[in-house]
Structure formats: C-alpha cells, structure tokens
Protein backbone atom coordinates (compact mmCIF):
# COMPACT_ATOMS: atom_id res chain seq x y z
CA MET A 1 186.22 298.53 100.05
CA ARG A 2 186.93 301.93 99.18
CA PRO A 3 186.03 302.82 103.42
CA ILE A 4 188.28 300.18 104.61
CA VAL A 5 191.20 301.35 101.85
CA LEU A 6 191.12 304.59 103.38
CA LEU A 7 190.83 303.63 106.81
CA LEU A 8 194.01 301.57 106.02
CA GLY A 9 195.85 304.60 104.35
CA VAL A 10 194.92 307.27 107.18
CA SER A 11 196.07 304.89 110.07
CA GLY A 12 199.24 304.00 108.42
CA LEU A 13 198.61 300.32 108.37
CA THR A 14 199.29 300.18 104.99
CA ARG A 15 202.97 300.92 105.18
CA ILE A 16 203.25 298.54 107.89
CA ILE A 17 201.23 295.71 106.02
CA LEU A 18 203.62 296.37 102.81
CA VAL A 19 206.79 296.60 104.50
CA TYR A 20 205.81 293.15 106.17
CA LEU A 21 204.15 291.06 102.96
CA ARG A 22 207.99 292.15 101.36
CA LYS A 23 210.00 290.49 104.32
CA ILE A 24 207.84 287.65 103.97
CA ILE A 25 208.46 287.15 100.33
CA LEU A 26 212.10 288.22 100.71
CA TYR A 27 212.08 285.10 103.11
CA PHE A 28 210.64 282.59 100.90
CA THR A 29 212.23 283.54 98.15
CA ARG A 30 215.40 282.75 99.85
CA HIS A 31 215.01 279.54 100.11
CA SER A 32 214.60 277.30 96.96
CA ASP A 33 215.35 273.83 96.37
CA GLN A 34 214.63 274.73 92.51
CA LEU A 35 217.18 276.85 92.54
CA ARG A 36 219.98 274.71 94.42
CA LYS A 37 221.14 273.46 90.71
CA LEU A 38 222.78 277.43 90.49
CA ASP A 39 225.63 276.03 93.50
CA HIS A 40 227.36 274.34 90.79
CA TYR A 41 228.07 277.42 89.35
CA HIS A 42 230.90 280.23 90.10
CA PHE A 43 228.84 284.15 89.55
CA GLY A 44 230.79 287.00 90.21
CA GLY A 45 227.56 288.45 90.36
CA VAL A 46 223.84 289.06 88.84
CA ILE A 47 222.39 291.37 86.83
CA SER A 48 218.47 291.61 86.79
CA THR A 49 217.00 293.37 84.23
CA SER A 50 213.44 292.90 84.80
CA PRO A 51 213.97 293.60 88.60
CA LEU A 52 209.98 293.58 89.17
CA ASP A 53 209.55 290.05 87.97
CA ILE A 54 209.06 287.74 90.95
CA ARG A 55 210.96 285.13 88.78
CA GLU A 56 214.49 287.47 88.91
CA ASN A 57 213.56 287.73 92.25
CA LYS A 58 214.12 284.60 93.68
CA VAL A 59 217.34 284.26 91.63
CA VAL A 60 218.55 287.30 93.06
CA ASN A 61 217.58 286.63 96.79
CA PHE A 62 218.84 283.07 96.41
CA LEU A 63 221.99 283.59 95.57
CA LYS A 64 222.25 286.54 97.83
CA THR A 65 222.41 283.72 100.65
CA ARG A 66 225.66 282.53 98.63
CA GLY A 67 226.95 285.59 99.22
CA ILE A 68 226.60 286.94 95.82
CA GLY A 69 225.74 290.55 94.78
CA SER A 70 223.27 291.82 92.51
CA MET A 71 222.61 294.89 90.14
CA ALA A 72 219.13 295.71 89.08
CA MET A 73 218.82 297.73 85.91
CA ILE A 74 215.50 300.17 85.39
CA ILE A 75 214.53 299.35 81.90
CA SER A 76 211.82 302.34 81.73
CA TRP A 77 210.69 305.43 83.53
CA ASP A 78 207.17 304.42 84.69
CA ASN A 79 208.12 301.13 86.29
CA LEU A 80 208.96 302.38 89.58
CA THR A 81 205.59 303.48 89.40
CA SER A 82 203.44 301.67 87.43
CA LYS A 83 204.78 297.87 87.80
CA GLY A 84 204.97 296.83 91.48
CA VAL A 85 207.03 296.54 94.00
CA ILE A 86 211.32 295.14 93.59
CA ASN A 87 211.16 292.36 96.29
CA ALA A 88 215.27 292.26 96.14
CA ASP A 89 217.49 294.29 97.68
CA HIS A 90 220.47 295.41 95.05
CA ASP A 91 223.88 296.33 95.14
CA TYR A 92 224.04 298.50 92.47
CA ILE A 93 220.30 300.51 90.98
CA LEU A 94 220.88 302.00 87.39
CA VAL A 95 218.03 304.45 86.23
CA TRP A 96 217.31 306.76 83.67
CA ASN A 97 217.98 309.96 84.95
CA GLN A 98 217.89 312.11 88.35
CA PHE A 99 213.62 311.60 88.79
CA MET A 100 213.41 307.99 88.96
CA ALA A 101 216.62 307.95 91.28
CA ASP A 102 214.20 310.25 93.56
CA GLU A 103 211.74 307.86 93.24
CA TYR A 104 213.33 304.79 94.13
CA GLU A 105 214.99 306.55 97.48
CA ARG A 106 211.14 307.84 98.03
CA PHE A 107 209.61 304.37 97.86
CA TYR A 108 212.42 301.99 98.69
CA SER A 109 213.30 304.08 102.09
CA ILE A 110 210.56 302.53 103.87
CA PHE A 111 211.82 299.47 103.71
CA ARG A 112 215.01 300.31 105.25
CA PRO A 113 217.09 298.02 102.90
CA GLN A 114 220.67 297.68 102.53
CA LYS A 115 222.14 300.75 101.17
CA SER A 116 222.31 300.44 97.21
CA LYS A 117 223.75 302.60 95.21
CA VAL A 118 221.76 304.07 92.85
CA CYS A 119 223.43 305.21 89.75
CA ILE A 120 221.89 307.55 86.64
CA THR A 121 223.07 306.22 83.76
CA GLY A 122 220.76 308.21 80.82
CA ILE A 123 219.15 305.64 78.19
CA PRO A 124 221.21 303.58 76.63
CA ARG A 125 219.17 302.81 73.92
CA PHE A 126 219.04 306.50 73.16
CA ASP A 127 222.67 306.36 71.87
CA ILE A 128 221.53 305.78 68.62
CA TYR A 129 220.30 308.73 68.18
CA PHE A 130 223.33 310.86 68.94
CA ARG A 131 225.69 308.98 67.15
CA ASN A 132 226.90 310.44 63.68
CA GLN A 133 225.28 307.85 61.37
CA CYS A 134 225.55 308.18 57.43
CA GLN A 135 222.21 308.98 56.06
CA ARG A 136 222.17 305.55 53.97
CA SER A 137 220.13 303.98 56.39
CA THR A 138 216.98 306.78 56.36
CA SER A 139 218.04 306.83 52.63
CA ASP A 140 217.36 303.13 52.46
CA PHE A 141 213.97 303.50 54.35
CA ARG A 142 212.70 305.99 51.89
CA LEU A 143 213.43 303.63 48.86
CA LYS A 144 211.79 300.98 50.35
CA PHE A 145 208.39 302.50 51.61
CA LYS A 146 208.63 304.59 48.35
CA ILE A 147 208.83 307.77 50.18
CA GLU A 148 209.78 310.33 47.80
CA PRO A 149 212.21 313.51 49.08
CA LEU A 150 209.28 316.12 49.03
CA ASP A 151 206.50 313.77 50.75
CA LYS A 152 205.90 315.29 54.42
CA VAL A 153 205.97 312.24 56.57
CA ILE A 154 203.82 312.10 59.69
CA LEU A 155 204.98 309.22 62.26
CA PHE A 156 202.30 307.66 64.29
CA ALA A 157 203.49 305.22 66.86
CA THR A 158 200.63 303.27 68.55
CA SER A 159 200.13 302.31 71.56
CA ALA A 160 199.21 298.47 73.49
CA SER A 161 195.66 297.97 72.54
CA LYS A 162 194.81 297.39 76.02
CA HIS A 163 195.66 300.82 77.10
CA PHE A 164 193.99 302.77 73.95
CA PRO A 165 191.25 300.02 71.95
CA ASN A 166 190.11 302.90 69.56
CA GLN A 167 193.38 304.33 67.88
CA ILE A 168 192.55 302.57 64.54
CA LEU A 169 190.14 305.94 64.63
CA ILE A 170 192.69 308.14 65.25
CA VAL A 171 194.30 306.15 62.04
CA ASN A 172 191.19 307.00 60.15
CA ASP A 173 191.63 310.84 60.98
CA LEU A 174 194.88 310.80 59.71
CA ILE A 175 193.70 308.99 56.37
CA GLU A 176 191.03 311.69 55.89
CA TYR A 177 194.05 314.93 56.76
CA THR A 178 196.37 313.08 53.85
CA ARG A 179 193.12 313.34 51.60
CA ARG A 180 193.05 316.87 52.13
CA ARG A 181 196.62 317.55 51.17
CA ALA A 182 199.22 316.79 49.04
CA ASN A 183 202.30 314.86 49.34
CA VAL A 184 201.94 313.50 53.02
CA LYS A 185 202.61 309.84 54.03
CA VAL A 186 201.79 308.61 57.43
CA ILE A 187 203.82 305.88 59.02
CA VAL A 188 201.94 303.81 61.46
CA ARG A 189 204.69 302.02 63.73
CA CYS A 190 202.47 299.23 65.36
CA HIS A 191 203.67 298.59 69.16
CA PRO A 192 204.32 294.61 69.88
CA ALA A 193 200.83 294.36 72.00
CA ASP A 194 198.54 295.91 69.16
CA ARG A 195 196.74 294.30 67.62
CA PHE A 196 197.91 294.26 63.90
CA GLU A 197 195.25 292.60 62.15
CA HIS A 198 193.17 296.17 62.52
CA TYR A 199 195.88 297.72 60.12
CA ARG A 200 194.75 295.38 57.28
CA PRO A 201 192.25 297.85 55.71
CA PHE A 202 195.55 299.86 55.10
CA HIS A 203 197.55 298.42 53.00
CA PHE A 204 195.37 299.46 49.69
CA GLU A 205 195.79 303.13 51.12
CA LYS A 206 198.79 304.83 49.30
CA SER A 207 199.57 307.51 51.97
CA ILE A 208 199.54 305.23 54.51
CA ILE A 209 202.30 303.03 55.39
CA VAL A 210 201.92 300.03 58.37
CA TRP A 211 205.10 298.47 59.93
CA GLN A 212 205.12 295.82 62.48
CA PRO A 213 207.69 293.89 63.95
CA GLU A 214 209.18 291.68 62.02
CA ASN A 215 209.75 289.36 65.01
CA LEU A 216 205.83 288.71 65.34
CA ARG A 217 205.09 287.82 62.04
CA CYS A 218 207.03 284.72 62.08
CA SER A 219 205.08 281.99 62.54
CA THR A 220 207.57 279.71 64.88
CA PRO A 221 205.94 277.75 67.93
CA ASP A 222 208.66 279.16 70.11
CA ILE A 223 206.90 282.03 71.43
CA PHE A 224 210.06 283.20 73.55
CA SER A 225 211.87 283.49 70.38
CA ARG A 226 208.90 285.64 68.81
CA TRP A 227 209.16 288.28 71.18
CA ILE A 228 213.07 288.86 70.85
CA PRO A 229 213.43 291.99 68.63
CA ARG A 230 215.28 291.83 65.24
CA ILE A 231 218.59 293.02 65.83
CA ASP A 232 218.36 296.24 63.60
CA PHE A 233 215.10 296.80 65.56
CA LEU A 234 216.10 300.37 67.15
CA GLU A 235 218.22 301.03 63.44
CA THR A 236 214.60 300.91 62.03
CA LEU A 237 213.13 302.70 64.73
CA SER A 238 216.02 305.52 64.54
CA SER A 239 215.11 305.96 60.77
CA MET A 240 211.37 306.36 60.98
CA ILE A 241 212.09 309.63 63.34
CA LYS A 242 215.06 311.04 61.57
CA ILE A 243 212.88 310.39 58.18
CA SER A 244 209.77 311.99 60.10
CA ASP A 245 208.56 315.66 60.17
CA VAL A 246 206.41 314.82 63.03
CA CYS A 247 205.33 312.18 65.50
CA VAL A 248 202.22 311.61 66.95
CA GLN A 249 201.70 309.35 69.96
CA VAL A 250 199.53 307.98 72.95
CA ALA A 251 201.43 308.82 76.16
CA SER A 252 204.24 306.98 75.16
CA THR A 253 208.02 306.81 75.70
CA ILE A 254 208.29 307.78 72.10
CA ARG A 255 207.53 311.60 73.17
CA LEU A 256 210.96 311.05 74.04
CA ASP A 257 212.83 309.40 71.45
CA ALA A 258 210.96 312.05 69.32
CA ALA A 259 212.31 314.66 71.79
CA ALA A 260 215.70 313.24 71.68
CA CYS A 261 215.68 313.28 67.61
CA ASP A 262 214.70 316.89 68.08
CA LYS A 263 211.68 316.54 66.29
CA PRO A 264 208.10 317.92 67.63
CA VAL A 265 205.38 315.54 68.96
CA ILE A 266 201.57 315.58 68.74
CA SER A 267 200.04 314.05 71.69
CA ILE A 268 196.63 312.34 71.62
CA ALA A 269 194.54 312.99 74.01
CA TYR A 270 191.53 312.19 72.66
CA ASP A 271 189.28 308.67 72.05
CA GLY A 272 187.88 309.48 68.32
CA PRO A 273 184.07 311.12 67.68
CA ARG A 274 182.93 309.75 71.00
CA LEU A 275 183.37 310.77 74.15
CA LEU A 276 184.28 308.33 77.03
CA PRO A 277 184.12 308.85 80.08
CA TYR A 278 187.62 309.40 81.92
CA SER A 279 188.20 305.89 83.61
CA GLN A 280 187.90 304.74 79.91
CA SER A 281 189.53 307.88 78.49
CA VAL A 282 193.33 308.09 76.65
CA LYS A 283 193.36 311.30 78.65
CA ARG A 284 194.11 309.17 81.40
CA LEU A 285 197.05 307.75 80.53
CA TYR A 286 198.65 311.26 81.04
CA ASP A 287 197.99 311.58 84.60
CA TYR A 288 200.07 309.12 85.22
CA SER A 289 202.85 310.10 87.66
CA HIS A 290 205.68 309.56 85.18
CA GLN A 291 203.80 311.45 82.46
CA VAL A 292 203.29 314.38 84.90
CA PRO A 293 206.73 315.95 84.96
CA LEU A 294 206.86 315.50 81.21
CA ASN A 295 203.49 317.27 80.83
CA ARG A 296 204.89 319.98 82.38
CA LEU A 297 207.81 320.51 80.30
CA LYS A 298 204.73 321.50 77.19
CA MET A 299 207.30 320.76 74.72
CA ASP A 300 204.44 318.78 73.12
CA GLN A 301 201.10 319.81 71.35
CA MET A 302 198.25 317.63 73.36
CA VAL A 303 195.73 317.95 71.18
CA TYR A 304 191.61 316.69 72.17
CA ASN A 305 189.81 316.80 68.95
CA LYS A 306 190.53 315.81 65.06
CA SER A 307 189.99 319.86 64.67
CA GLN A 308 193.14 320.55 67.01
CA LEU A 309 194.90 317.31 65.15
CA PHE A 310 194.39 318.88 61.52
CA ALA A 311 195.47 322.46 63.03
CA SER A 312 198.63 321.13 64.89
CA LEU A 313 199.82 319.29 61.87
CA ASP A 314 199.34 322.16 59.79
CA LYS A 315 201.39 324.37 62.09
CA THR A 316 203.88 321.69 62.11
CA LEU A 317 204.15 320.57 58.72
CA ASN A 318 204.18 324.06 57.75
CA GLY A 319 207.67 324.75 59.38
CA ASN A 320 205.97 326.87 61.87
CA CYS A 321 207.85 324.88 65.05
CA HIS A 322 210.90 326.40 66.20
CA THR A 323 212.04 324.57 69.52
CA ASP A 324 214.42 322.92 70.62
CA TYR A 325 213.14 319.76 71.93
CA LYS A 326 216.58 317.87 72.55
CA SER A 327 217.27 320.70 75.22
CA LEU A 328 213.85 320.44 76.81
CA ALA A 329 213.80 317.17 77.39
CA ARG A 330 217.41 316.89 78.93
CA PRO A 331 216.24 316.28 82.56
CA PHE A 332 214.60 313.36 81.31
CA ILE A 333 217.29 311.45 78.60
CA HIS A 334 220.29 312.90 80.84
CA TYR A 335 222.87 312.96 77.75
CA SER A 336 222.42 314.63 74.16
CA GLU A 337 225.91 312.44 73.31
CA PRO A 338 226.17 308.60 72.99
CA LYS A 339 227.48 307.96 76.75
CA SER A 340 224.97 306.17 78.45
CA VAL A 341 225.92 302.27 77.17
CA ASP A 342 229.75 303.21 78.33
CA SER A 343 228.04 304.78 81.56
CA VAL A 344 226.51 301.34 82.24
CA ILE A 345 229.35 299.35 81.61
CA GLN A 346 231.67 301.56 83.72
CA ASN A 347 228.69 300.85 86.80
CA VAL A 348 229.07 297.56 86.60
CA GLN A 349 233.13 297.30 85.97
CA ALA A 350 232.78 299.31 89.53
CA TRP A 351 230.01 296.35 91.19
CA LEU A 352 232.45 293.86 89.98
CA GLY A 353 235.71 295.58 91.57
C-alpha cells in the first residue's frame, strides 16, 4: 500500500484524484430531493459553522443552485489541516489568524474555486478574556470550590481520551506534587470527550477539584441537547484560568486560552512512567502541523517526565516566570482586545450587503 501512495504522490496523481473527487461530491450534493423543502423559505444566505461536515455541505451546495450565497466559519485552528476537505465553495471564509488564512489559500487553490474572501476575525470566544469583568465570578468560583486566598492553583485541562488515554497518570503525578507542597490545589478540567468515570476516585482528595461539563452529567435521552454547552461554559473556563497560577495541558487550544490570560503553560509530552512508541505517545500530538508554529515560540515549558514537571511547577509557582505570554501569542489570537465578535458581525453585514 505504501509504495502505491508514494507513487501517486510523486506522479502528481494524488492532486488530480483529489480535485476530481471533490468535483463529484459537489455535483451530487447540489441535487437532493430531500432538500427541496427548503424552496419554501426565502433565505438571504447560509452560515456554515461546521464547513467540513458533509451534512452542511449538502445544504450549502443545494442552496447555491438557487443563487443563495454562503459564509464558512472555521471554528478551530486545526480544522484546515486535520479535519478533511471543505466540499463547498463559500463567498466568505472567516478564520482566526494569518496562519489559517495562509493555509486556506495554500490548500484550496488547487481546486480553483470561485474566489472566496478570506477574513481574519480573531477568536470570538476569547473576547471574554479581554473584557473588564468584575472579580465576582472568580471570587464565587473560589468560594464554591473552597480555594483559599493563599492557595496556589494548578489548572490541568485534559484532552479527549482517544488522544491521551493515559492522562489519569498525569493526575497521579500532580497529586504526588501537592502532597509534597503546602497550599497547592489542582483543578482537573475534563474535556467533553474524556472519560469522567476515571476521575471518581479523586473526589476524596482534598487537593483535587474535578470539574466536568454540567450538560454531560444530565440523564436526558436527547443526545443532541446533552452536547449543547451550558450558557456559562465560557465564564467558568475564564474563571478557572484567571484564578490559576499555571495551566498544565496536553497539546490543546488551552495553550492559547492561557496565553490570552497571560498565564504560564506547562505542556505534557510524556505518557506516565512507561515509555510508549512515538505512534502511541502524546509527543506525536505536538508535531501536528497547526501546533508546530506555536511550538517555535517556546512560550510554554515542555516537560518529558515527572521530574521535569515538578521542576517546572516549582519554578512557576515560586514566581520565577516573567514572560508576556499574551504578546507572544498575538499572531495566533490576533486581537488582545474584545474585538473578535464585532469583527464577525461586520463581516456578516458586509457579506449580506
């Protein structure tokens, strides 16, 4: 199989095949009897918030045959490099930063689509970090989880369990760290695709606070509504980051969230006490193409074993880090003021004319 793939790449056939496959998908998704019911409505346009989802592509392509334009919002920095192909041609493409704008131009120029206007809006949900909010939300959060004013707080943001199935071992290391140091609390913020049951044994640890999305705790049979975040989801995240002294993470967007709040970041690049082959190791996640430019900034401390983790925590919690993280992350977050939501709205207005 591998020799065939290499042959296709060298001969340029991969590109030709990809272009024609996309043309076939565009053709068949433009004609759908199921979508004819949409003819009863008078749309001014369609905004695709998951433009790599074929279900949205079908709607966009069908309505385009009716002369109805579309706008695509690329909602995360890894979408263009790791989530497949956008099988629709949009009038406007909204991206977070110049890196993503360049990616779109580079990857989609081979399809010679209609000329899309690529607009950089920043990260809309980051606006919450730059607003002058009162301290009440962070104070309430400290009170709710019994975090004392003198406590040092480590925020550990987990990743999807399929990416890092051994992350409970990192929690064990953090518990060991808190037992060696006084007045240190760890907030374990569970990813929506993490396995919450793994953290039940930690509920009795005084130094550990386990948080999981409230909407995923409910027992409603409506699976769709379970995956709709609570309205205070971003406020809770903002409070967690702002009361923390350091963010420990595993190759996730939280690197940017913490930097936007000017917080130091420790990046986990080890799998626990047992060495795993690269193909299974968490190290591989930092080599994804969207991560590489951020790695080059060296704004976070990459740790490759427990000893390095403890040393980095000591250095950070002792106040020995004096870095302007927000400035370092500026090329990725684009704005350091609450301007992104307004930028999106202005582009929507311009698109609709």
